[in-house]
PDB file of N, CA and C in Angstrom:
ATOM      1  N   MET A   1       1.080  -1.042   0.057  1.00  0.00           N
ATOM      2  CA  MET A   1       0.003   0.154  -0.534  1.00  0.00           C
ATOM      3  C   MET A   1       0.945   1.126  -0.222  1.00  0.00           C
ATOM      4  N   LYS A   2       0.302   2.716  -0.698  1.00  0.00           N
ATOM      5  CA  LYS A   2       1.747   3.448  -0.731  1.00  0.00           C
ATOM      6  C   LYS A   2       0.961   4.379   0.192  1.00  0.00           C
ATOM      7  N   LYS A   3       1.470   5.509   0.768  1.00  0.00           N
ATOM      8  CA  LYS A   3       1.008   6.243   1.099  1.00  0.00           C
ATOM      9  C   LYS A   3       1.160   7.804   0.314  1.00  0.00           C
ATOM     10  N   ARG A   4       0.695   7.742   1.787  1.00  0.00           N
ATOM     11  CA  ARG A   4       0.012   9.928   0.037  1.00  0.00           C
ATOM     12  C   ARG A   4       0.326  11.131   1.027  1.00  0.00           C
ATOM     13  N   GLN A   5       0.416  11.294   0.124  1.00  0.00           N
ATOM     14  CA  GLN A   5       0.657  13.179   1.546  1.00  0.00           C
ATOM     15  C   GLN A   5      -0.337  13.894   0.763  1.00  0.00           C
ATOM     16  N   VAL A   6      -0.159  14.478   1.336  1.00  0.00           N
ATOM     17  CA  VAL A   6      -1.672  16.108   1.391  1.00  0.00           C
ATOM     18  C   VAL A   6      -0.028  17.064   0.112  1.00  0.00           C
ATOM     19  N   VAL A   7      -1.085  17.519  -0.554  1.00  0.00           N
ATOM     20  CA  VAL A   7      -0.341  18.333  -1.496  1.00  0.00           C
ATOM     21  C   VAL A   7       0.009  20.108  -0.632  1.00  0.00           C
ATOM     22  N   ILE A   8       1.208  20.435  -0.637  1.00  0.00           N
ATOM     23  CA  ILE A   8       1.431  21.371   0.348  1.00  0.00           C
ATOM     24  C   ILE A   8       2.265  22.173  -1.482  1.00  0.00           C
ATOM     25  N   ARG A   9       2.885  23.217  -1.024  1.00  0.00           N
ATOM     26  CA  ARG A   9       3.547  23.956  -2.544  1.00  0.00           C
ATOM     27  C   ARG A   9       4.057  25.331  -0.803  1.00  0.00           C
ATOM     28  N   LYS A  10       5.096  25.803  -2.281  1.00  0.00           N
ATOM     29  CA  LYS A  10       6.100  26.252  -1.187  1.00  0.00           C
ATOM     30  C   LYS A  10       6.461  27.957  -2.613  1.00  0.00           C
ATOM     31  N   GLU A  11       5.917  28.482  -2.916  1.00  0.00           N
ATOM     32  CA  GLU A  11       6.883  29.389  -3.997  1.00  0.00           C
ATOM     33  C   GLU A  11       6.914  30.394  -2.532  1.00  0.00           C
ATOM     34  N   THR A  12       8.196  31.761  -3.740  1.00  0.00           N
ATOM     35  CA  THR A  12       8.822  32.392  -3.606  1.00  0.00           C
ATOM     36  C   THR A  12       7.962  33.982  -4.331  1.00  0.00           C
ATOM     37  N   CYS A  13       6.632  34.626  -3.580  1.00  0.00           N
ATOM     38  CA  CYS A  13       5.965  35.013  -4.172  1.00  0.00           C
ATOM     39  C   CYS A  13       6.554  37.100  -4.294  1.00  0.00           C
ATOM     40  N   HIS A  14       7.265  37.604  -3.149  1.00  0.00           N
ATOM     41  CA  HIS A  14       7.544  38.858  -4.056  1.00  0.00           C
ATOM     42  C   HIS A  14       9.177  38.985  -2.344  1.00  0.00           C
ATOM     43  N   GLN A  15      10.015  40.236  -3.331  1.00  0.00           N
ATOM     44  CA  GLN A  15      11.043  39.126  -3.195  1.00  0.00           C
ATOM     45  C   GLN A  15      11.049  41.745  -2.519  1.00  0.00           C
ATOM     46  N   SER A  16      11.606  42.437  -1.679  1.00  0.00           N
ATOM     47  CA  SER A  16      12.039  43.072  -1.789  1.00  0.00           C
ATOM     48  C   SER A  16      13.199  43.560  -0.728  1.00  0.00           C
ATOM     49  N   SER A  17      13.711  45.437   0.191  1.00  0.00           N
ATOM     50  CA  SER A  17      15.177  44.612   0.036  1.00  0.00           C
ATOM     51  C   SER A  17      15.349  44.325   1.131  1.00  0.00           C
ATOM     52  N   SER A  18      14.272  44.162   1.371  1.00  0.00           N
ATOM     53  CA  SER A  18      15.136  43.412   3.227  1.00  0.00           C
ATOM     54  C   SER A  18      14.111  41.695   3.153  1.00  0.00           C
ATOM     55  N   ASN A  19      12.972  41.700   2.804  1.00  0.00           N
ATOM     56  CA  ASN A  19      11.962  40.984   3.306  1.00  0.00           C
ATOM     57  C   ASN A  19      11.470  40.553   2.217  1.00  0.00           C
ATOM     58  N   GLN A  20      11.733  38.541   1.849  1.00  0.00           N
ATOM     59  CA  GLN A  20      10.853  37.568   1.413  1.00  0.00           C
ATOM     60  C   GLN A  20       9.774  37.458   1.804  1.00  0.00           C
ATOM     61  N   ILE A  21       9.002  37.040   0.896  1.00  0.00           N
ATOM     62  CA  ILE A  21       7.197  36.575   1.015  1.00  0.00           C
ATOM     63  C   ILE A  21       7.353  35.271   1.132  1.00  0.00           C
ATOM     64  N   VAL A  22       6.847  33.728   1.151  1.00  0.00           N
ATOM     65  CA  VAL A  22       6.844  32.611   1.159  1.00  0.00           C
ATOM     66  C   VAL A  22       5.558  32.771   1.341  1.00  0.00           C
ATOM     67  N   GLN A  23       4.647  31.381   0.522  1.00  0.00           N
ATOM     68  CA  GLN A  23       3.374  31.244   0.218  1.00  0.00           C
ATOM     69  C   GLN A  23       2.999  30.703   0.243  1.00  0.00           C
ATOM     70  N   THR A  24       2.579  29.171   1.703  1.00  0.00           N
ATOM     71  CA  THR A  24       2.611  27.634   0.943  1.00  0.00           C
ATOM     72  C   THR A  24       0.276  27.731   0.810  1.00  0.00           C
ATOM     73  N   VAL A  25       0.729  26.670   0.012  1.00  0.00           N
ATOM     74  CA  VAL A  25      -0.786  26.755  -0.853  1.00  0.00           C
ATOM     75  C   VAL A  25      -1.001  25.001   0.419  1.00  0.00           C
ATOM     76  N   ARG A  26      -2.087  24.705   0.543  1.00  0.00           N
ATOM     77  CA  ARG A  26      -2.626  23.454   0.827  1.00  0.00           C
ATOM     78  C   ARG A  26      -3.727  23.269   0.565  1.00  0.00           C
ATOM     79  N   TYR A  27      -4.342  22.349   0.759  1.00  0.00           N
ATOM     80  CA  TYR A  27      -6.283  22.445  -0.409  1.00  0.00           C
ATOM     81  C   TYR A  27      -6.732  20.775   0.950  1.00  0.00           C
ATOM     82  N   GLY A  28      -7.805  21.797   1.389  1.00  0.00           N
ATOM     83  CA  GLY A  28      -8.691  20.791   2.491  1.00  0.00           C
ATOM     84  C   GLY A  28      -9.752  20.515   1.865  1.00  0.00           C
ATOM     85  N   GLU A  29     -10.595  20.095   1.893  1.00  0.00           N
ATOM     86  CA  GLU A  29     -11.891  19.448   1.582  1.00  0.00           C
ATOM     87  C   GLU A  29     -12.268  19.752   0.441  1.00  0.00           C
ATOM     88  N   CYS A  30     -13.304  18.317  -0.045  1.00  0.00           N
ATOM     89  CA  CYS A  30     -13.385  18.773  -0.799  1.00  0.00           C
ATOM     90  C   CYS A  30     -15.479  19.292  -1.506  1.00  0.00           C
ATOM     91  N   GLN A  31     -15.677  19.986  -2.251  1.00  0.00           N
ATOM     92  CA  GLN A  31     -16.024  20.983  -2.647  1.00  0.00           C
ATOM     93  C   GLN A  31     -17.454  20.046  -3.947  1.00  0.00           C
ATOM     94  N   LYS A  32     -17.534  19.421  -3.902  1.00  0.00           N
ATOM     95  CA  LYS A  32     -17.913  19.179  -5.530  1.00  0.00           C
ATOM     96  C   LYS A  32     -19.128  18.892  -5.018  1.00  0.00           C
ATOM     97  N   ASN A  33     -20.400  19.363  -5.784  1.00  0.00           N
ATOM     98  CA  ASN A  33     -22.127  18.934  -5.567  1.00  0.00           C
ATOM     99  C   ASN A  33     -22.192  18.169  -6.408  1.00  0.00           C
ATOM    100  N   HIS A  34     -22.481  17.173  -5.960  1.00  0.00           N
ATOM    101  CA  HIS A  34     -22.290  15.769  -6.619  1.00  0.00           C
ATOM    102  C   HIS A  34     -24.512  15.195  -6.347  1.00  0.00           C
ATOM    103  N   ALA A  35     -24.003  16.712  -6.208  1.00  0.00           N
ATOM    104  CA  ALA A  35     -26.024  16.142  -6.851  1.00  0.00           C
ATOM    105  C   ALA A  35     -26.500  17.330  -7.599  1.00  0.00           C
ATOM    106  N   ILE A  36     -26.813  18.312  -8.195  1.00  0.00           N
ATOM    107  CA  ILE A  36     -26.226  19.148  -9.286  1.00  0.00           C
ATOM    108  C   ILE A  36     -27.142  18.941  -9.701  1.00  0.00           C
ATOM    109  N   ASP A  37     -26.830  18.335 -10.947  1.00  0.00           N
ATOM    110  CA  ASP A  37     -28.197  17.354 -11.924  1.00  0.00           C
ATOM    111  C   ASP A  37     -29.012  17.592 -11.388  1.00  0.00           C
ATOM    112  N   ILE A  38     -29.237  16.673  -9.852  1.00  0.00           N
ATOM    113  CA  ILE A  38     -31.180  16.671  -9.561  1.00  0.00           C
ATOM    114  C   ILE A  38     -31.761  17.893  -8.883  1.00  0.00           C
ATOM    115  N   GLY A  39     -30.703  18.940  -8.622  1.00  0.00           N
ATOM    116  CA  GLY A  39     -30.589  20.305  -7.662  1.00  0.00           C
ATOM    117  C   GLY A  39     -31.049  20.203  -6.166  1.00  0.00           C
ATOM    118  N   GLY A  40     -29.936  19.335  -6.485  1.00  0.00           N
ATOM    119  CA  GLY A  40     -30.056  19.496  -4.787  1.00  0.00           C
ATOM    120  C   GLY A  40     -27.922  19.566  -4.693  1.00  0.00           C
ATOM    121  N   TYR A  41     -27.893  19.771  -3.101  1.00  0.00           N
ATOM    122  CA  TYR A  41     -26.295  19.623  -3.378  1.00  0.00           C
ATOM    123  C   TYR A  41     -25.370  18.364  -1.925  1.00  0.00           C
ATOM    124  N   ALA A  42     -24.954  17.961  -2.739  1.00  0.00           N
ATOM    125  CA  ALA A  42     -24.533  17.323  -1.638  1.00  0.00           C
ATOM    126  C   ALA A  42     -22.617  16.622  -1.027  1.00  0.00           C
ATOM    127  N   VAL A  43     -21.902  16.802  -0.988  1.00  0.00           N
ATOM    128  CA  VAL A  43     -20.510  16.443  -1.710  1.00  0.00           C
ATOM    129  C   VAL A  43     -20.171  15.391  -0.500  1.00  0.00           C
ATOM    130  N   ASP A  44     -18.804  14.320  -1.290  1.00  0.00           N
ATOM    131  CA  ASP A  44     -18.591  13.129  -1.293  1.00  0.00           C
ATOM    132  C   ASP A  44     -17.939  13.006   0.339  1.00  0.00           C
ATOM    133  N   GLY A  45     -17.852  14.083   1.238  1.00  0.00           N
ATOM    134  CA  GLY A  45     -17.206  13.990   2.755  1.00  0.00           C
ATOM    135  C   GLY A  45     -15.573  14.137   2.132  1.00  0.00           C
ATOM    136  N   CYS A  46     -15.287  13.847   1.256  1.00  0.00           N
ATOM    137  CA  CYS A  46     -13.501  13.403   1.834  1.00  0.00           C
ATOM    138  C   CYS A  46     -13.028  15.039   2.638  1.00  0.00           C
ATOM    139  N   ARG A  47     -12.270  15.168   3.998  1.00  0.00           N
ATOM    140  CA  ARG A  47     -11.991  15.489   3.875  1.00  0.00           C
ATOM    141  C   ARG A  47     -10.151  16.229   3.598  1.00  0.00           C
ATOM    142  N   GLU A  48      -9.400  15.938   3.097  1.00  0.00           N
ATOM    143  CA  GLU A  48      -8.378  16.815   3.109  1.00  0.00           C
ATOM    144  C   GLU A  48      -7.999  15.902   1.190  1.00  0.00           C
ATOM    145  N   PHE A  49      -7.236  16.943   0.701  1.00  0.00           N
ATOM    146  CA  PHE A  49      -6.348  15.692  -1.027  1.00  0.00           C
ATOM    147  C   PHE A  49      -5.450  15.711  -0.492  1.00  0.00           C
ATOM    148  N   MET A  50      -5.069  14.528  -1.536  1.00  0.00           N
ATOM    149  CA  MET A  50      -4.127  13.788  -1.635  1.00  0.00           C
ATOM    150  C   MET A  50      -3.897  13.666  -2.664  1.00  0.00           C
ATOM    151  N   ALA A  51      -2.734  13.449  -3.228  1.00  0.00           N
ATOM    152  CA  ALA A  51      -2.826  13.673  -5.135  1.00  0.00           C
ATOM    153  C   ALA A  51      -2.666  11.889  -5.458  1.00  0.00           C
ATOM    154  N   GLY A  52      -2.869  12.019  -6.733  1.00  0.00           N
ATOM    155  CA  GLY A  52      -3.133  10.236  -7.053  1.00  0.00           C
ATOM    156  C   GLY A  52      -1.678  10.389  -7.420  1.00  0.00           C
ATOM    157  N   GLY A  53      -0.516  11.461  -7.932  1.00  0.00           N
ATOM    158  CA  GLY A  53       0.423  10.606  -8.409  1.00  0.00           C
ATOM    159  C   GLY A  53       1.672  11.425  -7.629  1.00  0.00           C
ATOM    160  N   ALA A  54       2.492  11.849  -8.716  1.00  0.00           N
ATOM    161  CA  ALA A  54       4.258  11.727  -8.034  1.00  0.00           C
ATOM    162  C   ALA A  54       3.845  13.385  -8.529  1.00  0.00           C
ATOM    163  N   GLU A  55       4.997  14.925  -7.611  1.00  0.00           N
ATOM    164  CA  GLU A  55       4.187  15.896  -8.289  1.00  0.00           C
ATOM    165  C   GLU A  55       5.180  16.277  -9.382  1.00  0.00           C
ATOM    166  N   GLY A  56       3.569  16.790 -10.042  1.00  0.00           N
ATOM    167  CA  GLY A  56       4.497  16.890 -11.453  1.00  0.00           C
ATOM    168  C   GLY A  56       3.518  16.255 -12.624  1.00  0.00           C
ATOM    169  N   THR A  57       3.314  14.988 -12.424  1.00  0.00           N
ATOM    170  CA  THR A  57       2.939  15.059 -13.341  1.00  0.00           C
ATOM    171  C   THR A  57       1.172  15.337 -13.369  1.00  0.00           C
ATOM    172  N   THR A  58       0.146  15.152 -14.330  1.00  0.00           N
ATOM    173  CA  THR A  58      -0.779  15.283 -14.369  1.00  0.00           C
ATOM    174  C   THR A  58      -2.057  14.132 -12.341  1.00  0.00           C
ATOM    175  N   ALA A  59      -1.428  13.290 -12.779  1.00  0.00           N
ATOM    176  CA  ALA A  59      -2.240  12.110 -11.480  1.00  0.00           C
ATOM    177  C   ALA A  59      -2.074  13.112 -10.709  1.00  0.00           C
ATOM    178  N   ALA A  60      -1.285  13.788 -10.594  1.00  0.00           N
ATOM    179  CA  ALA A  60      -0.564  14.902  -9.047  1.00  0.00           C
ATOM    180  C   ALA A  60      -2.101  15.993  -8.955  1.00  0.00           C
ATOM    181  N   LEU A  61      -3.080  16.130  -9.462  1.00  0.00           N
ATOM    182  CA  LEU A  61      -3.974  16.940 -10.441  1.00  0.00           C
ATOM    183  C   LEU A  61      -5.066  16.442 -10.375  1.00  0.00           C
ATOM    184  N   SER A  62      -5.251  15.033  -9.712  1.00  0.00           N
ATOM    185  CA  SER A  62      -6.981  14.345  -8.827  1.00  0.00           C
ATOM    186  C   SER A  62      -6.209  13.993  -7.751  1.00  0.00           C
ATOM    187  N   CYS A  63      -7.026  14.108  -7.105  1.00  0.00           N
ATOM    188  CA  CYS A  63      -7.709  12.827  -5.854  1.00  0.00           C
ATOM    189  C   CYS A  63      -7.304  12.014  -5.670  1.00  0.00           C
ATOM    190  N   ALA A  64      -6.423  11.321  -4.231  1.00  0.00           N
ATOM    191  CA  ALA A  64      -6.438   9.706  -4.495  1.00  0.00           C
ATOM    192  C   ALA A  64      -7.934   9.071  -3.453  1.00  0.00           C
ATOM    193  N   ALA A  65      -7.751   9.982  -2.681  1.00  0.00           N
ATOM    194  CA  ALA A  65      -9.402   9.745  -2.189  1.00  0.00           C
ATOM    195  C   ALA A  65     -10.798   9.558  -2.772  1.00  0.00           C
ATOM    196  N   CYS A  66     -11.141  10.530  -3.388  1.00  0.00           N
ATOM    197  CA  CYS A  66     -12.339  11.067  -4.191  1.00  0.00           C
ATOM    198  C   CYS A  66     -12.630  11.276  -5.476  1.00  0.00           C
ATOM    199  N   GLY A  67     -11.036  11.307  -6.513  1.00  0.00           N
ATOM    200  CA  GLY A  67     -11.256  11.154  -7.885  1.00  0.00           C
ATOM    201  C   GLY A  67     -11.394  12.601  -8.021  1.00  0.00           C
ATOM    202  N   CYS A  68     -11.598  13.372  -7.065  1.00  0.00           N
ATOM    203  CA  CYS A  68     -11.876  14.695  -8.246  1.00  0.00           C
ATOM    204  C   CYS A  68     -10.991  15.147  -7.970  1.00  0.00           C
ATOM    205  N   HIS A  69     -10.275  16.571  -8.991  1.00  0.00           N
ATOM    206  CA  HIS A  69      -9.605  17.527  -8.915  1.00  0.00           C
ATOM    207  C   HIS A  69      -9.283  18.313  -8.642  1.00  0.00           C
ATOM    208  N   ARG A  70      -8.110  18.712  -8.020  1.00  0.00           N
ATOM    209  CA  ARG A  70      -7.545  19.382  -7.125  1.00  0.00           C
ATOM    210  C   ARG A  70      -8.621  21.269  -6.714  1.00  0.00           C
ATOM    211  N   ASN A  71      -8.597  21.230  -8.111  1.00  0.00           N
ATOM    212  CA  ASN A  71      -9.501  23.177  -8.073  1.00  0.00           C
ATOM    213  C   ASN A  71     -10.737  22.340  -6.975  1.00  0.00           C
ATOM    214  N   PHE A  72     -11.714  21.485  -6.819  1.00  0.00           N
ATOM    215  CA  PHE A  72     -12.245  21.355  -6.373  1.00  0.00           C
ATOM    216  C   PHE A  72     -12.287  21.852  -5.284  1.00  0.00           C
ATOM    217  N   HIS A  73     -11.280  21.214  -4.961  1.00  0.00           N
ATOM    218  CA  HIS A  73     -10.922  20.754  -2.731  1.00  0.00           C
ATOM    219  C   HIS A  73     -10.526  22.440  -2.609  1.00  0.00           C
ATOM    220  N   ARG A  74     -10.723  23.034  -1.262  1.00  0.00           N
ATOM    221  CA  ARG A  74     -11.026  23.914  -0.692  1.00  0.00           C
ATOM    222  C   ARG A  74      -9.515  24.529  -0.335  1.00  0.00           C
ATOM    223  N   GLN A  75      -8.993  25.446  -1.089  1.00  0.00           N
ATOM    224  CA  GLN A  75      -7.593  26.233  -1.344  1.00  0.00           C
ATOM    225  C   GLN A  75      -7.220  26.909   0.230  1.00  0.00           C
ATOM    226  N   GLU A  76      -6.156  27.153   0.535  1.00  0.00           N
ATOM    227  CA  GLU A  76      -5.672  27.554   1.958  1.00  0.00           C
ATOM    228  C   GLU A  76      -5.185  28.330   1.899  1.00  0.00           C
ATOM    229  N   VAL A  77      -4.044  29.693   1.409  1.00  0.00           N
ATOM    230  CA  VAL A  77      -3.197  30.316   1.476  1.00  0.00           C
ATOM    231  C   VAL A  77      -2.278  30.760   2.622  1.00  0.00           C
ATOM    232  N   ASP A  78      -1.395  30.194   3.501  1.00  0.00           N
ATOM    233  CA  ASP A  78      -0.040  30.729   3.990  1.00  0.00           C
ATOM    234  C   ASP A  78       0.717  31.678   3.886  1.00  0.00           C
ATOM    235  N   ARG A  79       1.147  32.783   3.925  1.00  0.00           N
ATOM    236  CA  ARG A  79       1.894  33.588   4.007  1.00  0.00           C
ATOM    237  C   ARG A  79       2.557  34.087   5.252  1.00  0.00           C
ATOM    238  N   GLU A  80       4.401  33.845   4.540  1.00  0.00           N
ATOM    239  CA  GLU A  80       4.560  33.832   5.657  1.00  0.00           C
ATOM    240  C   GLU A  80       6.378  34.841   5.315  1.00  0.00           C
ATOM    241  N   VAL A  81       5.984  36.395   6.237  1.00  0.00           N
ATOM    242  CA  VAL A  81       7.405  37.182   5.243  1.00  0.00           C
ATOM    243  C   VAL A  81       8.521  36.249   6.312  1.00  0.00           C
ATOM    244  N   LEU A  82       9.616  36.120   5.922  1.00  0.00           N
ATOM    245  CA  LEU A  82      11.043  36.000   6.217  1.00  0.00           C
ATOM    246  C   LEU A  82      12.365  36.831   5.834  1.00  0.00           C
ATOM    247  N   GLY A  83      12.616  37.601   6.891  1.00  0.00           N
ATOM    248  CA  GLY A  83      13.853  38.812   6.974  1.00  0.00           C
ATOM    249  C   GLY A  83      13.455  39.400   8.226  1.00  0.00           C
ATOM    250  N   TYR A  84      14.093  40.499   8.137  1.00  0.00           N
ATOM    251  CA  TYR A  84      13.391  41.995   8.379  1.00  0.00           C
ATOM    252  C   TYR A  84      13.360  43.232   8.146  1.00  0.00           C
ATOM    253  N   SER A  85      12.369  43.945   8.734  1.00  0.00           N
ATOM    254  CA  SER A  85      12.717  46.071   8.002  1.00  0.00           C
ATOM    255  C   SER A  85      13.344  46.722   9.196  1.00  0.00           C
ATOM    256  N   SER A  86      13.836  47.235   8.625  1.00  0.00           N
ATOM    257  CA  SER A  86      14.598  48.258   9.611  1.00  0.00           C
ATOM    258  C   SER A  86      14.120  49.537   9.415  1.00  0.00           C
ATOM    259  N   SER A  87      14.432  49.284  10.963  1.00  0.00           N
ATOM    260  CA  SER A  87      13.522  50.569  10.701  1.00  0.00           C
ATOM    261  C   SER A  87      14.379  52.070  11.130  1.00  0.00           C
ATOM    262  N   HIS A  88      13.998  53.901  10.189  1.00  0.00           N
ATOM    263  CA  HIS A  88      14.953  54.539   9.971  1.00  0.00           C
ATOM    264  C   HIS A  88      15.220  55.150  11.213  1.00  0.00           C
ATOM    265  N   SER A  89      15.783  55.895  12.134  1.00  0.00           N
ATOM    266  CA  SER A  89      16.200  56.623  13.630  1.00  0.00           C
ATOM    267  C   SER A  89      15.956  58.423  13.328  1.00  0.00           C
TER     268      SER A  89
END
């Protein structure tokens, strides 16, 4: 049995003179409405995105738990500022 991991990406967004902003993206529960064809609302209960393949492949965009595309999962973005700001006296 393969061990699956939650997809978390870290990207450097912006770099100023002394600060660097690092963005971490995590995908949470699936929000795909499976009953839209009959006018209802029903989600599958998938709590967290697990990539179906290695990073960089098309299989990595599908959830191994529910089979939905990564875009159906709630995206959580954390931004972290690295470095320091110098104050002028």
